[in-house]
Protein backbone atom coordinates (compact mmCIF):
# COMPACT_ATOMS: atom_id res chain seq x y z
CA MET A 1 -90.46 -28.37 9.85
CA ARG A 2 -91.63 -28.13 6.14
CA SER A 3 -90.23 -24.58 5.78
CA LYS A 4 -86.69 -25.67 7.22
CA HIS A 5 -86.32 -28.11 4.17
CA ILE A 6 -87.48 -25.61 1.49
CA ILE A 7 -84.62 -22.87 3.50
CA ARG A 8 -81.90 -26.11 3.20
CA LEU A 9 -83.04 -26.65 -0.45
CA PHE A 10 -82.89 -23.11 -1.57
CA LEU A 11 -79.59 -22.38 0.71
CA LEU A 12 -78.67 -25.80 -1.31
CA SER A 13 -79.43 -24.75 -5.02
CA LEU A 14 -78.15 -21.06 -4.41
CA ALA A 15 -74.19 -22.33 -3.31
CA LEU A 16 -74.53 -24.95 -6.32
CA MET A 17 -75.63 -22.29 -8.90
CA THR A 18 -72.98 -20.02 -7.20
CA PHE A 19 -70.12 -22.31 -7.97
CA ILE A 20 -71.26 -23.59 -11.04
CA TYR A 21 -70.99 -19.92 -12.35
CA THR A 22 -67.84 -19.07 -10.55
CA SER A 23 -65.97 -22.26 -12.39
CA CYS A 24 -67.33 -21.32 -14.95
CA THR A 25 -66.87 -17.86 -15.89
CA PRO A 26 -63.51 -16.96 -17.76
CA ALA A 27 -60.96 -15.55 -15.91
CA GLY A 28 -60.03 -11.79 -17.26
CA SER A 29 -56.89 -11.31 -18.86
CA GLY A 30 -54.89 -11.86 -16.34
CA TYR A 31 -53.26 -8.33 -16.39
CA SER A 32 -53.59 -7.12 -12.62
CA SER A 33 -51.77 -7.40 -9.43
CA GLY A 34 -52.17 -10.05 -7.13
CA ALA A 35 -53.68 -9.54 -3.41
CA SER A 36 -50.80 -8.77 -1.77
CA GLY A 37 -50.76 -5.87 -4.75
CA THR A 38 -47.63 -8.23 -6.34
CA ALA A 39 -48.13 -8.56 -10.05
CA ASN A 40 -49.54 -12.23 -11.99
CA TYR A 41 -46.44 -11.32 -14.21
CA TYR A 42 -42.45 -10.97 -14.42
CA TYR A 43 -40.37 -9.88 -18.20
CA GLY A 44 -38.24 -12.29 -18.81
CA ASP A 45 -35.45 -11.32 -21.76
CA PHE A 46 -38.20 -9.02 -23.98
CA ASP A 47 -38.86 -5.70 -22.63
CA ASP A 48 -42.43 -6.00 -23.21
CA VAL A 49 -43.19 -9.57 -23.20
CA PRO A 50 -45.08 -9.86 -20.03
CA ILE A 51 -45.16 -14.13 -18.60
CA PRO A 52 -47.39 -15.69 -16.22
CA ARG A 53 -45.15 -15.78 -12.62
CA GLU A 54 -45.87 -18.94 -12.80
CA MET A 55 -43.79 -20.01 -15.91
CA LYS A 56 -40.21 -20.49 -15.21
CA PRO A 57 -37.68 -19.36 -18.23
CA GLU A 58 -35.97 -22.32 -19.86
CA LYS A 59 -32.21 -21.23 -20.23
CA ALA A 60 -31.02 -24.23 -22.02
CA ALA A 61 -34.03 -23.23 -25.05
CA THR A 62 -33.26 -19.95 -25.15
CA VAL A 63 -31.70 -18.47 -27.75
CA LEU A 64 -31.10 -14.13 -28.47
CA HIS A 65 -29.39 -12.06 -30.86
CA THR A 66 -29.41 -8.36 -31.09
CA ALA A 67 -29.89 -6.98 -35.19
CA SER A 68 -29.69 -3.46 -35.43
CA GLY A 69 -30.84 -2.27 -31.39
CA VAL A 70 -33.25 -4.64 -31.54
CA LYS A 71 -33.34 -7.48 -29.05
CA VAL A 72 -34.76 -10.82 -30.96
CA GLY A 73 -35.16 -14.60 -30.22
CA THR A 74 -36.59 -17.44 -29.06
CA GLN A 75 -37.16 -17.58 -24.75
CA SER A 76 -39.00 -20.94 -23.40
CA PHE A 77 -40.73 -21.26 -20.17
CA ALA A 78 -42.45 -24.06 -18.39
CA GLY A 79 -45.02 -24.08 -15.77
CA GLY A 80 -48.15 -25.19 -14.10
CA VAL A 81 -50.47 -22.98 -16.41
CA GLU A 82 -53.30 -24.34 -18.26
CA ILE A 83 -52.36 -23.69 -22.24
CA ILE A 84 -56.18 -21.86 -22.63
CA SER A 85 -55.17 -19.64 -19.70
CA LEU A 86 -52.33 -19.61 -20.61
CA ASN A 87 -53.17 -18.18 -24.50
CA ARG A 88 -55.49 -15.89 -22.23
CA ALA A 89 -53.17 -14.76 -20.30
CA MET A 90 -50.76 -14.01 -23.29
CA THR A 91 -53.29 -12.06 -25.22
CA GLY A 92 -54.35 -9.73 -22.42
CA TYR A 93 -50.98 -8.81 -21.15
CA LEU A 94 -49.54 -8.51 -24.54
CA ASN A 95 -52.60 -6.29 -26.05
CA HIS A 96 -51.99 -4.47 -22.29
CA GLU A 97 -48.08 -3.45 -24.15
CA GLY A 98 -49.05 -2.37 -27.23
CA TRP A 99 -48.85 -5.72 -29.58
CA THR A 100 -52.09 -6.61 -32.37
CA LEU A 101 -53.18 -10.04 -32.20
CA ILE A 102 -53.42 -10.98 -36.40
CA SER A 103 -53.49 -14.68 -36.35
CA SER A 104 -54.11 -17.70 -34.01
CA LEU A 105 -54.91 -21.07 -33.91
CA ARG A 106 -56.19 -22.04 -30.02
CA GLY A 107 -56.08 -25.28 -28.21
CA GLN A 108 -53.50 -27.70 -26.93
CA ASN A 109 -50.94 -26.42 -29.53
CA SER A 110 -51.81 -23.08 -29.86
CA ILE A 111 -49.85 -20.84 -31.56
CA LEU A 112 -51.21 -16.95 -30.71
CA VAL A 113 -49.44 -14.23 -33.40
CA PHE A 114 -48.76 -10.63 -32.31
CA GLU A 115 -47.61 -7.82 -35.01
CA LYS A 116 -45.83 -3.94 -33.61
CA PRO A 117 -45.04 -1.47 -36.28
CA GLU A 118 -41.45 -2.94 -36.39
CA ARG A 119 -41.70 -6.45 -35.17
CA LEU A 120 -44.07 -9.65 -35.06
CA CYS A 121 -44.54 -12.15 -31.55
CA VAL A 122 -45.13 -15.35 -31.87
CA ILE A 123 -46.57 -17.66 -28.95
CA HIS A 124 -46.43 -21.09 -28.64
CA SER A 125 -48.02 -22.40 -26.22
CA PHE A 126 -48.19 -26.96 -25.63
CA ASP A 127 -48.73 -29.70 -23.58
CA GLY A 128 -44.82 -30.15 -22.77
CA ARG A 129 -43.45 -33.66 -21.49
CA PHE A 130 -44.19 -32.88 -17.60
CA SER A 131 -46.63 -28.91 -18.10
CA PRO A 132 -47.29 -26.86 -19.86
CA SER A 133 -44.43 -25.35 -22.19
CA MET A 134 -44.66 -21.43 -24.09
CA GLN A 135 -42.09 -21.22 -26.25
CA VAL A 136 -41.87 -16.88 -26.89
CA PHE A 137 -40.11 -15.86 -30.55
CA ILE A 138 -39.80 -12.75 -31.41
CA THR A 139 -38.34 -11.70 -34.96
CA PRO A 140 -38.27 -8.24 -36.82
CA LYS A 141 -40.97 -7.57 -39.09
CA ILE A 142 -39.35 -7.22 -42.87
CA LEU A 143 -41.05 -4.99 -45.41
CA ASN A 144 -40.26 -4.87 -49.38
CA PRO A 145 -40.34 -0.97 -49.46
CA SER A 146 -40.48 -1.35 -53.36
CA ALA A 147 -43.93 -3.29 -52.88
CA GLY A 148 -44.57 -1.56 -49.41
CA GLY A 149 -45.64 -4.56 -47.60
CA SER A 150 -43.94 -8.28 -46.47
CA SER A 151 -41.55 -10.33 -48.39
CA ALA A 152 -40.04 -13.53 -47.80
CA ALA A 153 -36.52 -11.27 -48.76
CA PRO A 154 -34.01 -11.88 -45.35
CA HIS A 155 -33.83 -8.76 -43.95
CA PRO A 156 -29.68 -7.31 -44.71
CA SER A 157 -29.29 -7.21 -40.71
CA VAL A 158 -30.13 -11.15 -39.06
CA ALA A 159 -28.81 -13.81 -41.33
CA PRO A 160 -30.35 -16.41 -41.01
CA THR A 161 -28.16 -18.68 -38.52
CA SER A 162 -28.66 -22.21 -36.69
CA SER A 163 -29.26 -21.46 -32.96
CA VAL A 164 -25.68 -22.60 -32.79
CA GLU A 165 -24.08 -19.67 -34.72
CA ALA A 166 -26.11 -17.64 -32.96
CA LEU A 167 -25.02 -18.61 -29.79
CA LYS A 168 -21.50 -17.96 -30.60
CA GLN A 169 -22.00 -14.23 -31.74
């Protein structure tokens, strides 16, 4: 009788430890296929920025412009992904696409900054009105050829415009 109680207690403890371990283990990058073989992400308006499937585009808040053959602008999303999981997934997705994380501020209102040789990608994730939201900003790098580095001067092919002016173009 006593051995039955010990076995039950052992199995209960094992089940509890398994639950705690799997609950606290961080998820992977998310850059994988689901059980059905479909990807956990899709591509929005930018060809090298995967978006988690749970995040749906908000077309009214999207502004795109093509400058010198490069698509730049912002695309907004909302969905049912926790901010921490969203940041982890976006970091994994963008790393897989060749982006390098150069700066981050993580929390419930997060900024992730990635770079490629000619562009920057800024991911702003935050708690939206009804669900977590994310904005993706893609902009060309502005290089000062004389200094060999960045400059605050505007790029000649991308003049600053308001979102209304960008939509008219």
